């Protein structure tokens, strides 16, 4: 449950080839914002360092899982395709 908002954000701001844009852009009419990548060790406040480092780790996990899901969906879709010669 804790990761769900981050997964939703990641999904909604990811490019969708079928739509030719992102779900965020369709909904709000503008390009989605991007979080700046946090470089570990750059904050002088320990709590901020921990939160931003955790956020980066979470984003990496989400991206990896979304790419894996995308590859699985592509593989399943390709099973239904057949080569046609004209």
PDB file of N, CA and C in Angstrom:
ATOM      1  N   UNK A   1       0.804  -1.193   0.000  1.00  0.00           N
ATOM      2  CA  UNK A   1       0.000   0.000   0.000  1.00  0.00           C
ATOM      3  C   UNK A   1       0.845   1.255   0.000  1.00  0.00           C
ATOM      4  N   UNK A   2       2.026   1.187   0.625  1.00  0.00           N
ATOM      5  CA  UNK A   2       2.888   2.370   0.748  1.00  0.00           C
ATOM      6  C   UNK A   2       3.445   2.794  -0.617  1.00  0.00           C
ATOM      7  N   UNK A   3       3.673   1.825  -1.499  1.00  0.00           N
ATOM      8  CA  UNK A   3       4.249   2.121  -2.809  1.00  0.00           C
ATOM      9  C   UNK A   3       3.222   2.509  -3.858  1.00  0.00           C
ATOM     10  N   UNK A   4       1.956   2.253  -3.602  1.00  0.00           N
ATOM     11  CA  UNK A   4       0.922   2.472  -4.603  1.00  0.00           C
ATOM     12  C   UNK A   4       0.911   3.885  -5.188  1.00  0.00           C
ATOM     13  N   UNK A   5       1.003   4.940  -4.390  1.00  0.00           N
ATOM     14  CA  UNK A   5       1.025   6.286  -4.997  1.00  0.00           C
ATOM     15  C   UNK A   5       2.213   6.481  -5.941  1.00  0.00           C
ATOM     16  N   UNK A   6       3.377   5.908  -5.593  1.00  0.00           N
ATOM     17  CA  UNK A   6       4.558   6.041  -6.453  1.00  0.00           C
ATOM     18  C   UNK A   6       4.389   5.231  -7.735  1.00  0.00           C
ATOM     19  N   UNK A   7       3.791   4.055  -7.630  1.00  0.00           N
ATOM     20  CA  UNK A   7       3.538   3.236  -8.814  1.00  0.00           C
ATOM     21  C   UNK A   7       2.570   3.960  -9.735  1.00  0.00           C
ATOM     22  N   UNK A   8       1.528   4.522  -9.171  1.00  0.00           N
ATOM     23  CA  UNK A   8       0.531   5.257  -9.952  1.00  0.00           C
ATOM     24  C   UNK A   8       1.175   6.449 -10.660  1.00  0.00           C
ATOM     25  N   UNK A   9       1.987   7.199  -9.952  1.00  0.00           N
ATOM     26  CA  UNK A   9       2.677   8.340 -10.552  1.00  0.00           C
ATOM     27  C   UNK A   9       3.600   7.879 -11.671  1.00  0.00           C
ATOM     28  N   UNK A  10       4.355   6.835 -11.420  1.00  0.00           N
ATOM     29  CA  UNK A  10       5.282   6.328 -12.423  1.00  0.00           C
ATOM     30  C   UNK A  10       4.535   5.873 -13.678  1.00  0.00           C
ATOM     31  N   UNK A  11       3.441   5.172 -13.485  1.00  0.00           N
ATOM     32  CA  UNK A  11       2.637   4.701 -14.625  1.00  0.00           C
ATOM     33  C   UNK A  11       2.056   5.890 -15.397  1.00  0.00           C
ATOM     34  N   UNK A  12       1.476   6.834 -14.687  1.00  0.00           N
ATOM     35  CA  UNK A  12       0.801   7.953 -15.338  1.00  0.00           C
ATOM     36  C   UNK A  12       1.745   8.917 -16.046  1.00  0.00           C
ATOM     37  N   UNK A  13       3.017   8.899 -15.678  1.00  0.00           N
ATOM     38  CA  UNK A  13       3.975   9.799 -16.310  1.00  0.00           C
ATOM     39  C   UNK A  13       4.899   9.059 -17.277  1.00  0.00           C
ATOM     40  N   UNK A  14       4.606   7.786 -17.542  1.00  0.00           N
ATOM     41  CA  UNK A  14       5.409   6.998 -18.481  1.00  0.00           C
ATOM     42  C   UNK A  14       4.795   7.061 -19.872  1.00  0.00           C
ATOM     43  N   UNK A  15       5.655   7.099 -20.874  1.00  0.00           N
ATOM     44  CA  UNK A  15       5.224   7.167 -22.271  1.00  0.00           C
ATOM     45  C   UNK A  15       4.431   5.924 -22.641  1.00  0.00           C
ATOM     46  N   UNK A  16       3.340   6.126 -23.353  1.00  0.00           N
ATOM     47  CA  UNK A  16       2.516   5.027 -23.847  1.00  0.00           C
ATOM     48  C   UNK A  16       2.506   5.097 -25.362  1.00  0.00           C
ATOM     49  N   UNK A  17       3.126   4.118 -26.009  1.00  0.00           N
ATOM     50  CA  UNK A  17       3.229   4.114 -27.467  1.00  0.00           C
ATOM     51  C   UNK A  17       1.885   4.063 -28.163  1.00  0.00           C
ATOM     52  N   UNK A  18       0.934   3.345 -27.589  1.00  0.00           N
ATOM     53  CA  UNK A  18      -0.397   3.242 -28.189  1.00  0.00           C
ATOM     54  C   UNK A  18      -1.132   4.571 -28.223  1.00  0.00           C
ATOM     55  N   UNK A  19      -0.937   5.363 -27.171  1.00  0.00           N
ATOM     56  CA  UNK A  19      -1.584   6.676 -27.099  1.00  0.00           C
ATOM     57  C   UNK A  19      -0.710   7.766 -27.709  1.00  0.00           C
ATOM     58  N   UNK A  20       0.583   7.499 -27.812  1.00  0.00           N
ATOM     59  CA  UNK A  20       1.498   8.500 -28.352  1.00  0.00           C
ATOM     60  C   UNK A  20       1.821   9.611 -27.362  1.00  0.00           C
ATOM     61  N   UNK A  21       1.553   9.362 -26.105  1.00  0.00           N
ATOM     62  CA  UNK A  21       1.798  10.356 -25.059  1.00  0.00           C
ATOM     63  C   UNK A  21       1.748   9.650 -23.706  1.00  0.00           C
ATOM     64  N   UNK A  22       1.649  10.423 -22.643  1.00  0.00           N
ATOM     65  CA  UNK A  22       1.508   9.839 -21.309  1.00  0.00           C
ATOM     66  C   UNK A  22       0.069  10.012 -20.827  1.00  0.00           C
ATOM     67  N   UNK A  23      -0.415   9.149 -19.947  1.00  0.00           N
ATOM     68  CA  UNK A  23      -1.745   9.349 -19.380  1.00  0.00           C
ATOM     69  C   UNK A  23      -1.860  10.718 -18.684  1.00  0.00           C
ATOM     70  N   UNK A  24      -0.778  11.155 -18.054  1.00  0.00           N
ATOM     71  CA  UNK A  24      -0.772  12.454 -17.370  1.00  0.00           C
ATOM     72  C   UNK A  24      -1.068  13.586 -18.357  1.00  0.00           C
ATOM     73  N   UNK A  25      -0.405  13.534 -19.522  1.00  0.00           N
ATOM     74  CA  UNK A  25      -0.577  14.596 -20.513  1.00  0.00           C
ATOM     75  C   UNK A  25      -1.996  14.615 -21.075  1.00  0.00           C
ATOM     76  N   UNK A  26      -2.582  13.439 -21.245  1.00  0.00           N
ATOM     77  CA  UNK A  26      -3.966  13.373 -21.717  1.00  0.00           C
ATOM     78  C   UNK A  26      -4.896  13.995 -20.681  1.00  0.00           C
ATOM     79  N   UNK A  27      -4.666  13.673 -19.423  1.00  0.00           N
ATOM     80  CA  UNK A  27      -5.536  14.155 -18.354  1.00  0.00           C
ATOM     81  C   UNK A  27      -5.397  15.661 -18.107  1.00  0.00           C
ATOM     82  N   UNK A  28      -4.146  16.153 -18.081  1.00  0.00           N
ATOM     83  CA  UNK A  28      -3.918  17.541 -17.671  1.00  0.00           C
ATOM     84  C   UNK A  28      -3.526  18.481 -18.810  1.00  0.00           C
ATOM     85  N   UNK A  29      -3.311  17.950 -20.011  1.00  0.00           N
ATOM     86  CA  UNK A  29      -3.008  18.804 -21.148  1.00  0.00           C
ATOM     87  C   UNK A  29      -1.612  19.407 -21.140  1.00  0.00           C
ATOM     88  N   UNK A  30      -0.730  18.869 -20.327  1.00  0.00           N
ATOM     89  CA  UNK A  30       0.645  19.348 -20.297  1.00  0.00           C
ATOM     90  C   UNK A  30       1.578  18.194 -19.968  1.00  0.00           C
ATOM     91  N   UNK A  31       2.854  18.385 -20.286  1.00  0.00           N
ATOM     92  CA  UNK A  31       3.815  17.328 -20.005  1.00  0.00           C
ATOM     93  C   UNK A  31       3.949  17.131 -18.496  1.00  0.00           C
ATOM     94  N   UNK A  32       4.170  15.881 -18.068  1.00  0.00           N
ATOM     95  CA  UNK A  32       4.322  15.633 -16.633  1.00  0.00           C
ATOM     96  C   UNK A  32       5.640  16.209 -16.118  1.00  0.00           C
ATOM     97  N   UNK A  33       5.634  16.574 -14.864  1.00  0.00           N
ATOM     98  CA  UNK A  33       6.852  17.047 -14.216  1.00  0.00           C
ATOM     99  C   UNK A  33       7.748  15.850 -13.955  1.00  0.00           C
ATOM    100  N   UNK A  34       9.006  16.108 -13.808  1.00  0.00           N
ATOM    101  CA  UNK A  34       9.946  15.047 -13.479  1.00  0.00           C
ATOM    102  C   UNK A  34      10.611  15.373 -12.152  1.00  0.00           C
ATOM    103  N   UNK A  35      10.718  14.372 -11.320  1.00  0.00           N
ATOM    104  CA  UNK A  35      11.493  14.534 -10.100  1.00  0.00           C
ATOM    105  C   UNK A  35      12.957  14.568 -10.492  1.00  0.00           C
ATOM    106  N   UNK A  36      13.693  15.476  -9.930  1.00  0.00           N
ATOM    107  CA  UNK A  36      15.123  15.463 -10.149  1.00  0.00           C
ATOM    108  C   UNK A  36      15.708  14.259  -9.436  1.00  0.00           C
ATOM    109  N   UNK A  37      16.684  13.636 -10.072  1.00  0.00           N
ATOM    110  CA  UNK A  37      17.323  12.485  -9.432  1.00  0.00           C
ATOM    111  C   UNK A  37      18.131  12.985  -8.247  1.00  0.00           C
ATOM    112  N   UNK A  38      17.974  12.317  -7.133  1.00  0.00           N
ATOM    113  CA  UNK A  38      18.699  12.715  -5.925  1.00  0.00           C
ATOM    114  C   UNK A  38      20.043  11.999  -5.872  1.00  0.00           C
ATOM    115  N   UNK A  39      21.076  12.757  -5.631  1.00  0.00           N
ATOM    116  CA  UNK A  39      22.415  12.193  -5.490  1.00  0.00           C
ATOM    117  C   UNK A  39      22.656  11.956  -4.008  1.00  0.00           C
ATOM    118  N   UNK A  40      22.779  10.688  -3.642  1.00  0.00           N
ATOM    119  CA  UNK A  40      22.949  10.324  -2.229  1.00  0.00           C
ATOM    120  C   UNK A  40      24.145  11.055  -1.626  1.00  0.00           C
ATOM    121  N   UNK A  41      23.946  11.515  -0.400  1.00  0.00           N
ATOM    122  CA  UNK A  41      25.013  12.166   0.339  1.00  0.00           C
ATOM    123  C   UNK A  41      25.092  13.671   0.146  1.00  0.00           C
ATOM    124  N   UNK A  42      24.157  14.248  -0.607  1.00  0.00           N
ATOM    125  CA  UNK A  42      24.233  15.692  -0.866  1.00  0.00           C
ATOM    126  C   UNK A  42      23.432  16.535   0.117  1.00  0.00           C
ATOM    127  N   UNK A  43      22.609  15.904   0.934  1.00  0.00           N
ATOM    128  CA  UNK A  43      21.846  16.654   1.928  1.00  0.00           C
ATOM    129  C   UNK A  43      22.594  16.675   3.258  1.00  0.00           C
ATOM    130  N   UNK A  44      22.520  17.818   3.914  1.00  0.00           N
ATOM    131  CA  UNK A  44      23.162  17.942   5.227  1.00  0.00           C
ATOM    132  C   UNK A  44      22.199  17.585   6.356  1.00  0.00           C
ATOM    133  N   UNK A  45      20.933  17.334   6.001  1.00  0.00           N
ATOM    134  CA  UNK A  45      19.915  16.983   6.984  1.00  0.00           C
ATOM    135  C   UNK A  45      19.649  15.483   6.878  1.00  0.00           C
ATOM    136  N   UNK A  46      19.922  14.754   7.937  1.00  0.00           N
ATOM    137  CA  UNK A  46      19.815  13.291   7.909  1.00  0.00           C
ATOM    138  C   UNK A  46      18.437  12.791   7.507  1.00  0.00           C
ATOM    139  N   UNK A  47      17.374  13.409   8.041  1.00  0.00           N
ATOM    140  CA  UNK A  47      16.019  12.959   7.700  1.00  0.00           C
ATOM    141  C   UNK A  47      15.721  13.164   6.209  1.00  0.00           C
ATOM    142  N   UNK A  48      16.153  14.284   5.657  1.00  0.00           N
ATOM    143  CA  UNK A  48      15.949  14.555   4.231  1.00  0.00           C
ATOM    144  C   UNK A  48      16.743  13.549   3.406  1.00  0.00           C
ATOM    145  N   UNK A  49      17.970  13.294   3.814  1.00  0.00           N
ATOM    146  CA  UNK A  49      18.817  12.310   3.130  1.00  0.00           C
ATOM    147  C   UNK A  49      18.135  10.947   3.082  1.00  0.00           C
ATOM    148  N   UNK A  50      17.595  10.528   4.197  1.00  0.00           N
ATOM    149  CA  UNK A  50      16.936   9.218   4.270  1.00  0.00           C
ATOM    150  C   UNK A  50      15.691   9.163   3.384  1.00  0.00           C
ATOM    151  N   UNK A  51      14.872  10.187   3.444  1.00  0.00           N
ATOM    152  CA  UNK A  51      13.639  10.213   2.648  1.00  0.00           C
ATOM    153  C   UNK A  51      13.956  10.194   1.157  1.00  0.00           C
ATOM    154  N   UNK A  52      14.884  11.037   0.717  1.00  0.00           N
ATOM    155  CA  UNK A  52      15.196  11.116  -0.710  1.00  0.00           C
ATOM    156  C   UNK A  52      15.937   9.882  -1.213  1.00  0.00           C
ATOM    157  N   UNK A  53      16.769   9.302  -0.391  1.00  0.00           N
ATOM    158  CA  UNK A  53      17.438   8.061  -0.776  1.00  0.00           C
ATOM    159  C   UNK A  53      16.421   6.931  -0.899  1.00  0.00           C
ATOM    160  N   UNK A  54      15.498   6.844   0.051  1.00  0.00           N
ATOM    161  CA  UNK A  54      14.425   5.840  -0.026  1.00  0.00           C
ATOM    162  C   UNK A  54      13.578   6.050  -1.273  1.00  0.00           C
ATOM    163  N   UNK A  55      13.285   7.317  -1.591  1.00  0.00           N
ATOM    164  CA  UNK A  55      12.484   7.628  -2.772  1.00  0.00           C
ATOM    165  C   UNK A  55      13.189   7.146  -4.037  1.00  0.00           C
ATOM    166  N   UNK A  56      14.481   7.401  -4.149  1.00  0.00           N
ATOM    167  CA  UNK A  56      15.248   6.958  -5.318  1.00  0.00           C
ATOM    168  C   UNK A  56      15.257   5.437  -5.428  1.00  0.00           C
ATOM    169  N   UNK A  57      15.451   4.766  -4.301  1.00  0.00           N
ATOM    170  CA  UNK A  57      15.425   3.298  -4.302  1.00  0.00           C
ATOM    171  C   UNK A  57      14.069   2.779  -4.749  1.00  0.00           C
ATOM    172  N   UNK A  58      13.012   3.410  -4.272  1.00  0.00           N
ATOM    173  CA  UNK A  58      11.649   3.019  -4.645  1.00  0.00           C
ATOM    174  C   UNK A  58      11.424   3.224  -6.130  1.00  0.00           C
ATOM    175  N   UNK A  59      11.856   4.370  -6.677  1.00  0.00           N
ATOM    176  CA  UNK A  59      11.698   4.630  -8.109  1.00  0.00           C
ATOM    177  C   UNK A  59      12.436   3.587  -8.944  1.00  0.00           C
ATOM    178  N   UNK A  60      13.620   3.188  -8.514  1.00  0.00           N
ATOM    179  CA  UNK A  60      14.384   2.185  -9.254  1.00  0.00           C
ATOM    180  C   UNK A  60      13.636   0.851  -9.288  1.00  0.00           C
ATOM    181  N   UNK A  61      13.076   0.460  -8.165  1.00  0.00           N
ATOM    182  CA  UNK A  61      12.313  -0.791  -8.086  1.00  0.00           C
ATOM    183  C   UNK A  61      11.091  -0.724  -8.987  1.00  0.00           C
ATOM    184  N   UNK A  62      10.367   0.391  -8.919  1.00  0.00           N
ATOM    185  CA  UNK A  62       9.150   0.552  -9.724  1.00  0.00           C
ATOM    186  C   UNK A  62       9.494   0.515 -11.211  1.00  0.00           C
ATOM    187  N   UNK A  63      10.524   1.254 -11.628  1.00  0.00           N
ATOM    188  CA  UNK A  63      10.911   1.257 -13.044  1.00  0.00           C
ATOM    189  C   UNK A  63      11.242  -0.150 -13.521  1.00  0.00           C
ATOM    190  N   UNK A  64      11.985  -0.880 -12.707  1.00  0.00           N
ATOM    191  CA  UNK A  64      12.379  -2.249 -13.068  1.00  0.00           C
ATOM    192  C   UNK A  64      11.147  -3.136 -13.231  1.00  0.00           C
ATOM    193  N   UNK A  65      10.206  -3.039 -12.301  1.00  0.00           N
ATOM    194  CA  UNK A  65       9.000  -3.865 -12.368  1.00  0.00           C
ATOM    195  C   UNK A  65       8.108  -3.478 -13.545  1.00  0.00           C
ATOM    196  N   UNK A  66       7.998  -2.172 -13.827  1.00  0.00           N
ATOM    197  CA  UNK A  66       7.191  -1.738 -14.968  1.00  0.00           C
ATOM    198  C   UNK A  66       7.801  -2.210 -16.288  1.00  0.00           C
ATOM    199  N   UNK A  67       9.125  -2.154 -16.404  1.00  0.00           N
ATOM    200  CA  UNK A  67       9.777  -2.647 -17.619  1.00  0.00           C
ATOM    201  C   UNK A  67       9.569  -4.151 -17.783  1.00  0.00           C
ATOM    202  N   UNK A  68       9.630  -4.880 -16.683  1.00  0.00           N
ATOM    203  CA  UNK A  68       9.394  -6.323 -16.741  1.00  0.00           C
ATOM    204  C   UNK A  68       7.956  -6.615 -17.165  1.00  0.00           C
ATOM    205  N   UNK A  69       7.000  -5.884 -16.605  1.00  0.00           N
ATOM    206  CA  UNK A  69       5.592  -6.073 -16.971  1.00  0.00           C
ATOM    207  C   UNK A  69       5.370  -5.725 -18.436  1.00  0.00           C
ATOM    208  N   UNK A  70       6.018  -4.657 -18.900  1.00  0.00           N
ATOM    209  CA  UNK A  70       5.894  -4.258 -20.302  1.00  0.00           C
ATOM    210  C   UNK A  70       6.439  -5.342 -21.223  1.00  0.00           C
ATOM    211  N   UNK A  71       7.575  -5.915 -20.874  1.00  0.00           N
ATOM    212  CA  UNK A  71       8.165  -6.980 -21.689  1.00  0.00           C
ATOM    213  C   UNK A  71       7.259  -8.210 -21.719  1.00  0.00           C
ATOM    214  N   UNK A  72       6.661  -8.541 -20.587  1.00  0.00           N
ATOM    215  CA  UNK A  72       5.740  -9.677 -20.520  1.00  0.00           C
ATOM    216  C   UNK A  72       4.514  -9.430 -21.395  1.00  0.00           C
ATOM    217  N   UNK A  73       3.947  -8.221 -21.324  1.00  0.00           N
ATOM    218  CA  UNK A  73       2.774  -7.893 -22.143  1.00  0.00           C
ATOM    219  C   UNK A  73       3.119  -7.945 -23.629  1.00  0.00           C
ATOM    220  N   UNK A  74       4.312  -7.450 -23.991  1.00  0.00           N
ATOM    221  CA  UNK A  74       4.736  -7.481 -25.390  1.00  0.00           C
ATOM    222  C   UNK A  74       4.884  -8.918 -25.869  1.00  0.00           C
ATOM    223  N   UNK A  75       5.475  -9.755 -25.034  1.00  0.00           N
ATOM    224  CA  UNK A  75       5.659 -11.161 -25.384  1.00  0.00           C
ATOM    225  C   UNK A  75       4.303 -11.841 -25.598  1.00  0.00           C
ATOM    226  N   UNK A  76       3.347 -11.565 -24.713  1.00  0.00           N
ATOM    227  CA  UNK A  76       2.015 -12.158 -24.842  1.00  0.00           C
ATOM    228  C   UNK A  76       1.316 -11.671 -26.109  1.00  0.00           C
ATOM    229  N   UNK A  77       1.440 -10.372 -26.402  1.00  0.00           N
ATOM    230  CA  UNK A  77       0.803  -9.812 -27.601  1.00  0.00           C
ATOM    231  C   UNK A  77       1.428 -10.395 -28.859  1.00  0.00           C
ATOM    232  N   UNK A  78       2.735 -10.579 -28.847  1.00  0.00           N
ATOM    233  CA  UNK A  78       3.420 -11.110 -30.025  1.00  0.00           C
ATOM    234  C   UNK A  78       3.052 -12.567 -30.300  1.00  0.00           C
ATOM    235  N   UNK A  79       2.630 -13.294 -29.289  1.00  0.00           N
ATOM    236  CA  UNK A  79       2.212 -14.681 -29.499  1.00  0.00           C
ATOM    237  C   UNK A  79       0.983 -14.752 -30.401  1.00  0.00           C
ATOM    238  N   UNK A  80       0.172 -13.703 -30.372  1.00  0.00           N
ATOM    239  CA  UNK A  80      -1.060 -13.679 -31.149  1.00  0.00           C
ATOM    240  C   UNK A  80      -0.846 -13.120 -32.555  1.00  0.00           C
ATOM    241  N   UNK A  81       0.357 -12.602 -32.831  1.00  0.00           N
ATOM    242  CA  UNK A  81       0.652 -12.031 -34.135  1.00  0.00           C
ATOM    243  C   UNK A  81       1.128 -13.114 -35.087  1.00  0.00           C
ATOM    244  N   UNK A  82       0.897 -12.889 -36.342  1.00  0.00           N
ATOM    245  CA  UNK A  82       1.404 -13.806 -37.342  1.00  0.00           C
ATOM    246  C   UNK A  82       1.976 -12.970 -38.480  1.00  0.00           C
ATOM    247  N   UNK A  83       2.951 -13.512 -39.134  1.00  0.00           N
ATOM    248  CA  UNK A  83       3.595 -12.823 -40.233  1.00  0.00           C
ATOM    249  C   UNK A  83       2.713 -12.935 -41.474  1.00  0.00           C
ATOM    250  N   UNK A  84       2.482 -11.823 -42.127  1.00  0.00           N
ATOM    251  CA  UNK A  84       1.639 -11.818 -43.331  1.00  0.00           C
ATOM    252  C   UNK A  84       2.490 -11.293 -44.493  1.00  0.00           C
ATOM    253  N   UNK A  85       2.466 -12.024 -45.610  1.00  0.00           N
ATOM    254  CA  UNK A  85       3.166 -11.604 -46.813  1.00  0.00           C
ATOM    255  C   UNK A  85       2.143 -11.256 -47.882  1.00  0.00           C
ATOM    256  N   UNK A  86       2.350 -10.148 -48.536  1.00  0.00           N
ATOM    257  CA  UNK A  86       1.430  -9.731 -49.615  1.00  0.00           C
ATOM    258  C   UNK A  86       2.089  -9.882 -50.946  1.00  0.00           C
TER     259      UNK A  86
END
